[in-house]
Amino acid sequence: MTLVCGVDEAGRGPLAGPVFAAAVILDPARLIAGLADSKTLTARRREKLAVEIRLRAAAWSVASASVEEIDALNILQASLLAMRRAVEQLAVTPARVLVDGLQRPRLGLPVEAVVRGDATVPAIAAASILAKVARDAEMLTLHQLFPQYGFDRHKGYPTVAHLAALRAHGVSAAHRRSFAPVRALVGGGILS
């Protein structure tokens, strides 16, 4: 059996919190029904599927890149770093890695980028679910530390409410200072 690993990330667009990535090697003998792009699933359905993935996959791993790494490297490079960490943490080494999107992390393995892979490749869909569930859990933890921003509702995305909270409370340690709306506030600019 050729071990194929699916990889996806969650959290490239938000203004706050780490970016997460997951790597999943599915077990063909233990199929999981309902795998799909995490963005098309409800939070409840993602949570249920995440439990199934963790129980039934041949191997899985979740990793992240911190806000500091995002600000130092840029979001694309930090996402690729999180992906590489996820693959390197797998308990078994895959023969091939399939990554959602256009970009590929540098690995010592064959890596293929698959556009819309989260909707077409079950292992990538599984990775998208684990990454999203892990990131959402982290944003709930950050909400406990910084409740004034409403991370429990918008998960750090630049919603009207989040931008208003940034204007009212300033920038927290959880915010990505390299992202334009946050950078404008740190630099004394006005958020619009």
C-alpha atoms as a PDB file:
ATOM      1  CA  MET A   1       0.000   0.000   0.000  1.00  0.00           C
ATOM      2  CA  THR A   2       1.390   3.418  -1.007  1.00  0.00           C
ATOM      3  CA  LEU A   3       0.968   5.854   1.864  1.00  0.00           C
ATOM      4  CA  VAL A   4      -0.386   9.170   0.606  1.00  0.00           C
ATOM      5  CA  CYS A   5      -0.599  12.090   2.988  1.00  0.00           C
ATOM      6  CA  GLY A   6      -3.077  14.963   2.601  1.00  0.00           C
ATOM      7  CA  VAL A   7      -2.095  18.379   3.952  1.00  0.00           C
ATOM      8  CA  ASP A   8      -4.064  21.590   4.442  1.00  0.00           C
ATOM      9  CA  GLU A   9      -3.921  24.708   6.583  1.00  0.00           C
ATOM     10  CA  ALA A  10      -6.414  26.880   8.450  1.00  0.00           C
ATOM     11  CA  GLY A  11      -6.152  30.501   9.423  1.00  0.00           C
ATOM     12  CA  ARG A  12      -4.264  32.356   6.723  1.00  0.00           C
ATOM     13  CA  GLY A  13      -6.737  35.261   6.532  1.00  0.00           C
ATOM     14  CA  PRO A  14      -7.390  36.217  10.166  1.00  0.00           C
ATOM     15  CA  LEU A  15      -5.766  39.170  11.900  1.00  0.00           C
ATOM     16  CA  ALA A  16      -5.015  37.156  15.038  1.00  0.00           C
ATOM     17  CA  GLY A  17      -3.833  33.778  16.229  1.00  0.00           C
ATOM     18  CA  PRO A  18      -1.475  31.135  14.830  1.00  0.00           C
ATOM     19  CA  VAL A  19      -1.871  29.444  11.458  1.00  0.00           C
ATOM     20  CA  PHE A  20      -2.509  25.709  11.755  1.00  0.00           C
ATOM     21  CA  ALA A  21      -1.809  22.823   9.391  1.00  0.00           C
ATOM     22  CA  ALA A  22      -2.669  19.148   9.506  1.00  0.00           C
ATOM     23  CA  ALA A  23      -1.321  16.087   7.752  1.00  0.00           C
ATOM     24  CA  VAL A  24      -3.473  12.961   7.398  1.00  0.00           C
ATOM     25  CA  ILE A  25      -2.824   9.508   5.980  1.00  0.00           C
ATOM     26  CA  LEU A  26      -6.167   7.776   5.600  1.00  0.00           C
ATOM     27  CA  ASP A  27      -6.546   4.027   6.118  1.00  0.00           C
ATOM     28  CA  PRO A  28      -8.328   2.555   3.053  1.00  0.00           C
ATOM     29  CA  ALA A  29      -9.704  -0.224   5.280  1.00  0.00           C
ATOM     30  CA  ARG A  30     -11.377   2.292   7.617  1.00  0.00           C
ATOM     31  CA  LEU A  31     -13.253   4.735   5.397  1.00  0.00           C
ATOM     32  CA  ILE A  32     -14.731   7.906   6.844  1.00  0.00           C
ATOM     33  CA  ALA A  33     -18.032   9.067   5.353  1.00  0.00           C
ATOM     34  CA  GLY A  34     -18.754  12.766   4.878  1.00  0.00           C
ATOM     35  CA  LEU A  35     -15.235  14.147   4.421  1.00  0.00           C
ATOM     36  CA  ALA A  36     -15.409  17.558   2.713  1.00  0.00           C
ATOM     37  CA  ASP A  37     -13.736  20.949   2.671  1.00  0.00           C
ATOM     38  CA  SER A  38     -13.943  22.151   6.292  1.00  0.00           C
ATOM     39  CA  LYS A  39     -15.380  25.500   5.149  1.00  0.00           C
ATOM     40  CA  THR A  40     -18.493  23.730   3.822  1.00  0.00           C
ATOM     41  CA  LEU A  41     -19.218  21.944   7.113  1.00  0.00           C
ATOM     42  CA  THR A  42     -20.863  23.192  10.279  1.00  0.00           C
ATOM     43  CA  ALA A  43     -18.698  23.468  13.391  1.00  0.00           C
ATOM     44  CA  ARG A  44     -20.598  20.563  14.941  1.00  0.00           C
ATOM     45  CA  ARG A  45     -20.055  18.331  11.889  1.00  0.00           C
ATOM     46  CA  ARG A  46     -16.341  19.257  11.795  1.00  0.00           C
ATOM     47  CA  GLU A  47     -15.973  18.294  15.468  1.00  0.00           C
ATOM     48  CA  LYS A  48     -17.615  14.892  14.889  1.00  0.00           C
ATOM     49  CA  LEU A  49     -15.519  14.193  11.796  1.00  0.00           C
ATOM     50  CA  ALA A  50     -12.335  15.262  13.617  1.00  0.00           C
ATOM     51  CA  VAL A  51     -12.964  12.592  16.251  1.00  0.00           C
ATOM     52  CA  GLU A  52     -13.511   9.975  13.530  1.00  0.00           C
ATOM     53  CA  ILE A  53     -10.376  11.069  11.652  1.00  0.00           C
ATOM     54  CA  ARG A  54      -8.241  10.830  14.795  1.00  0.00           C
ATOM     55  CA  LEU A  55      -9.639   7.334  15.495  1.00  0.00           C
ATOM     56  CA  ARG A  56      -9.584   5.875  11.973  1.00  0.00           C
ATOM     57  CA  ALA A  57      -6.694   7.483  10.095  1.00  0.00           C
ATOM     58  CA  ALA A  58      -3.500   5.473   9.624  1.00  0.00           C
ATOM     59  CA  ALA A  59      -1.637   8.557  10.894  1.00  0.00           C
ATOM     60  CA  TRP A  60      -2.387  12.221  11.559  1.00  0.00           C
ATOM     61  CA  SER A  61      -0.646  15.275  12.945  1.00  0.00           C
ATOM     62  CA  VAL A  62      -1.488  18.915  13.630  1.00  0.00           C
ATOM     63  CA  ALA A  63       1.094  21.695  13.850  1.00  0.00           C
ATOM     64  CA  SER A  64       1.116  25.479  13.852  1.00  0.00           C
ATOM     65  CA  ALA A  65       3.225  28.552  13.251  1.00  0.00           C
ATOM     66  CA  SER A  66       2.985  31.298  15.859  1.00  0.00           C
ATOM     67  CA  VAL A  67       1.930  34.911  15.450  1.00  0.00           C
ATOM     68  CA  GLU A  68       5.603  35.853  15.890  1.00  0.00           C
ATOM     69  CA  GLU A  69       6.619  33.470  13.095  1.00  0.00           C
ATOM     70  CA  ILE A  70       3.851  34.849  10.852  1.00  0.00           C
ATOM     71  CA  ASP A  71       5.089  38.397  11.449  1.00  0.00           C
ATOM     72  CA  ALA A  72       8.741  37.418  10.901  1.00  0.00           C
ATOM     73  CA  LEU A  73       8.304  35.218   7.821  1.00  0.00           C
ATOM     74  CA  ASN A  74       4.980  36.341   6.213  1.00  0.00           C
ATOM     75  CA  ILE A  75       1.760  34.326   6.231  1.00  0.00           C
ATOM     76  CA  LEU A  76       2.583  32.171   3.205  1.00  0.00           C
ATOM     77  CA  GLN A  77       5.970  31.070   4.565  1.00  0.00           C
ATOM     78  CA  ALA A  78       4.498  30.514   8.043  1.00  0.00           C
ATOM     79  CA  SER A  79       1.724  28.352   6.505  1.00  0.00           C
ATOM     80  CA  LEU A  80       4.323  26.283   4.643  1.00  0.00           C
ATOM     81  CA  LEU A  81       6.326  25.959   7.873  1.00  0.00           C
ATOM     82  CA  ALA A  82       3.248  24.675   9.749  1.00  0.00           C
ATOM     83  CA  MET A  83       2.611  22.193   6.912  1.00  0.00           C
ATOM     84  CA  ARG A  84       6.188  20.945   7.031  1.00  0.00           C
ATOM     85  CA  ARG A  85       5.976  20.526  10.818  1.00  0.00           C
ATOM     86  CA  ALA A  86       2.723  18.560  10.491  1.00  0.00           C
ATOM     87  CA  VAL A  87       4.207  16.145   7.928  1.00  0.00           C
ATOM     88  CA  GLU A  88       7.443  15.743   9.902  1.00  0.00           C
ATOM     89  CA  GLN A  89       5.478  14.901  13.078  1.00  0.00           C
ATOM     90  CA  LEU A  90       3.605  11.991  11.450  1.00  0.00           C
ATOM     91  CA  ALA A  91       4.217   8.620  13.116  1.00  0.00           C
ATOM     92  CA  VAL A  92       4.834   7.066   9.681  1.00  0.00           C
ATOM     93  CA  THR A  93       6.515   8.518   6.606  1.00  0.00           C
ATOM     94  CA  PRO A  94       4.277   8.824   3.535  1.00  0.00           C
ATOM     95  CA  ALA A  95       5.467   8.006   0.024  1.00  0.00           C
ATOM     96  CA  ARG A  96       3.757  11.106  -1.387  1.00  0.00           C
ATOM     97  CA  VAL A  97       2.301  14.329  -0.023  1.00  0.00           C
ATOM     98  CA  LEU A  98      -0.711  16.091  -1.563  1.00  0.00           C
ATOM     99  CA  VAL A  99      -1.173  19.703  -0.478  1.00  0.00           C
ATOM    100  CA  ASP A 100      -4.251  21.862  -0.990  1.00  0.00           C
ATOM    101  CA  GLY A 101      -3.678  24.925  -3.160  1.00  0.00           C
ATOM    102  CA  LEU A 102      -0.824  26.159  -5.324  1.00  0.00           C
ATOM    103  CA  GLN A 103       2.106  26.209  -2.896  1.00  0.00           C
ATOM    104  CA  ARG A 104       4.146  23.265  -1.625  1.00  0.00           C
ATOM    105  CA  PRO A 105       6.188  23.032   1.557  1.00  0.00           C
ATOM    106  CA  ARG A 106       9.800  21.911   1.146  1.00  0.00           C
ATOM    107  CA  LEU A 107      10.047  18.310   2.257  1.00  0.00           C
ATOM    108  CA  GLY A 108      12.377  15.444   1.525  1.00  0.00           C
ATOM    109  CA  LEU A 109       9.419  13.685  -0.113  1.00  0.00           C
ATOM    110  CA  PRO A 110       7.513  14.000  -3.391  1.00  0.00           C
ATOM    111  CA  VAL A 111       4.999  16.826  -2.905  1.00  0.00           C
ATOM    112  CA  GLU A 112       2.167  17.763  -5.260  1.00  0.00           C
ATOM    113  CA  ALA A 113      -0.026  20.862  -5.014  1.00  0.00           C
ATOM    114  CA  VAL A 114      -3.703  20.162  -5.760  1.00  0.00           C
ATOM    115  CA  VAL A 115      -5.967  23.138  -6.468  1.00  0.00           C
ATOM    116  CA  ARG A 116      -9.291  22.657  -4.625  1.00  0.00           C
ATOM    117  CA  GLY A 117      -7.794  19.516  -3.109  1.00  0.00           C
ATOM    118  CA  ASP A 118      -9.829  20.018   0.054  1.00  0.00           C
ATOM    119  CA  ALA A 119     -12.960  19.390  -2.048  1.00  0.00           C
ATOM    120  CA  THR A 120     -11.588  16.548  -4.210  1.00  0.00           C
ATOM    121  CA  VAL A 121      -9.010  14.547  -2.225  1.00  0.00           C
ATOM    122  CA  PRO A 122     -10.362  12.834   0.927  1.00  0.00           C
ATOM    123  CA  ALA A 123      -7.003  12.954   2.782  1.00  0.00           C
ATOM    124  CA  ILE A 124      -6.725  16.705   2.141  1.00  0.00           C
ATOM    125  CA  ALA A 125     -10.351  17.213   3.250  1.00  0.00           C
ATOM    126  CA  ALA A 126      -9.534  15.313   6.459  1.00  0.00           C
ATOM    127  CA  ALA A 127      -6.481  17.544   6.987  1.00  0.00           C
ATOM    128  CA  SER A 128      -8.582  20.676   6.411  1.00  0.00           C
ATOM    129  CA  ILE A 129     -11.007  19.501   9.109  1.00  0.00           C
ATOM    130  CA  LEU A 130      -8.308  18.759  11.696  1.00  0.00           C
ATOM    131  CA  ALA A 131      -6.531  22.063  11.022  1.00  0.00           C
ATOM    132  CA  LYS A 132      -9.762  24.086  11.308  1.00  0.00           C
ATOM    133  CA  VAL A 133     -10.893  22.320  14.499  1.00  0.00           C
ATOM    134  CA  ALA A 134      -7.474  22.850  16.111  1.00  0.00           C
ATOM    135  CA  ARG A 135      -7.358  26.514  15.124  1.00  0.00           C
ATOM    136  CA  ASP A 136     -10.915  27.170  16.326  1.00  0.00           C
ATOM    137  CA  ALA A 137     -10.018  25.574  19.696  1.00  0.00           C
ATOM    138  CA  GLU A 138      -6.954  27.820  19.940  1.00  0.00           C
ATOM    139  CA  MET A 139      -9.091  30.877  19.188  1.00  0.00           C
ATOM    140  CA  LEU A 140     -11.438  29.906  22.055  1.00  0.00           C
ATOM    141  CA  THR A 141      -8.384  29.743  24.340  1.00  0.00           C
ATOM    142  CA  LEU A 142      -7.292  33.186  23.119  1.00  0.00           C
ATOM    143  CA  HIS A 143     -10.844  34.423  23.760  1.00  0.00           C
ATOM    144  CA  GLN A 144     -10.398  33.504  27.436  1.00  0.00           C
ATOM    145  CA  LEU A 145      -7.236  35.637  27.547  1.00  0.00           C
ATOM    146  CA  PHE A 146      -8.610  38.530  25.456  1.00  0.00           C
ATOM    147  CA  PRO A 147     -12.445  38.427  25.719  1.00  0.00           C
ATOM    148  CA  GLN A 148     -12.829  42.028  24.541  1.00  0.00           C
ATOM    149  CA  TYR A 149     -12.052  41.041  20.923  1.00  0.00           C
ATOM    150  CA  GLY A 150     -14.748  38.389  20.440  1.00  0.00           C
ATOM    151  CA  PHE A 151     -12.438  35.672  19.089  1.00  0.00           C
ATOM    152  CA  ASP A 152     -15.071  33.101  20.056  1.00  0.00           C
ATOM    153  CA  ARG A 153     -17.368  34.542  17.382  1.00  0.00           C
ATOM    154  CA  HIS A 154     -15.183  35.633  14.446  1.00  0.00           C
ATOM    155  CA  LYS A 155     -12.066  33.486  15.133  1.00  0.00           C
ATOM    156  CA  GLY A 156      -9.813  36.450  14.386  1.00  0.00           C
ATOM    157  CA  TYR A 157     -11.147  37.245  10.919  1.00  0.00           C
ATOM    158  CA  PRO A 158     -11.400  40.968  10.027  1.00  0.00           C
ATOM    159  CA  THR A 159     -15.126  41.354  10.696  1.00  0.00           C
ATOM    160  CA  VAL A 160     -16.729  44.719  11.445  1.00  0.00           C
ATOM    161  CA  ALA A 161     -16.967  43.715  15.130  1.00  0.00           C
ATOM    162  CA  HIS A 162     -13.304  42.683  15.273  1.00  0.00           C
ATOM    163  CA  LEU A 163     -12.106  45.897  13.638  1.00  0.00           C
ATOM    164  CA  ALA A 164     -14.272  47.912  16.053  1.00  0.00           C
ATOM    165  CA  ALA A 165     -12.767  45.991  19.009  1.00  0.00           C
ATOM    166  CA  LEU A 166      -9.258  46.694  17.705  1.00  0.00           C
ATOM    167  CA  ARG A 167     -10.068  50.396  17.503  1.00  0.00           C
ATOM    168  CA  ALA A 168     -11.538  50.388  21.013  1.00  0.00           C
ATOM    169  CA  HIS A 169      -8.956  48.211  22.794  1.00  0.00           C
ATOM    170  CA  GLY A 170      -5.806  48.431  20.701  1.00  0.00           C
ATOM    171  CA  VAL A 171      -3.663  45.512  19.600  1.00  0.00           C
ATOM    172  CA  SER A 172      -3.201  42.396  21.756  1.00  0.00           C
ATOM    173  CA  ALA A 173      -0.305  39.928  21.863  1.00  0.00           C
ATOM    174  CA  ALA A 174      -2.499  37.580  19.784  1.00  0.00           C
ATOM    175  CA  HIS A 175      -2.653  39.963  16.809  1.00  0.00           C
ATOM    176  CA  ARG A 176      -0.534  39.696  13.666  1.00  0.00           C
ATOM    177  CA  ARG A 177       1.281  43.024  13.488  1.00  0.00           C
ATOM    178  CA  SER A 178       2.350  42.436   9.874  1.00  0.00           C
ATOM    179  CA  PHE A 179      -1.283  42.441   8.655  1.00  0.00           C
ATOM    180  CA  ALA A 180      -2.341  45.819   7.254  1.00  0.00           C
ATOM    181  CA  PRO A 181      -5.306  46.654   9.563  1.00  0.00           C
ATOM    182  CA  VAL A 182      -3.253  45.785  12.656  1.00  0.00           C
ATOM    183  CA  ARG A 183      -0.097  47.466  11.324  1.00  0.00           C
ATOM    184  CA  ALA A 184      -2.105  50.655  10.692  1.00  0.00           C
ATOM    185  CA  LEU A 185      -3.271  50.685  14.297  1.00  0.00           C
ATOM    186  CA  VAL A 186       0.191  49.956  15.724  1.00  0.00           C
ATOM    187  CA  GLY A 187       1.687  52.668  13.530  1.00  0.00           C
ATOM    188  CA  GLY A 188      -0.902  55.175  14.667  1.00  0.00           C
ATOM    189  CA  GLY A 189      -2.910  54.929  11.472  1.00  0.00           C
ATOM    190  CA  ILE A 190      -6.675  54.861  11.497  1.00  0.00           C
ATOM    191  CA  LEU A 191      -8.561  51.654  10.792  1.00  0.00           C
ATOM    192  CA  SER A 192     -11.304  52.074   8.281  1.00  0.00           C
END
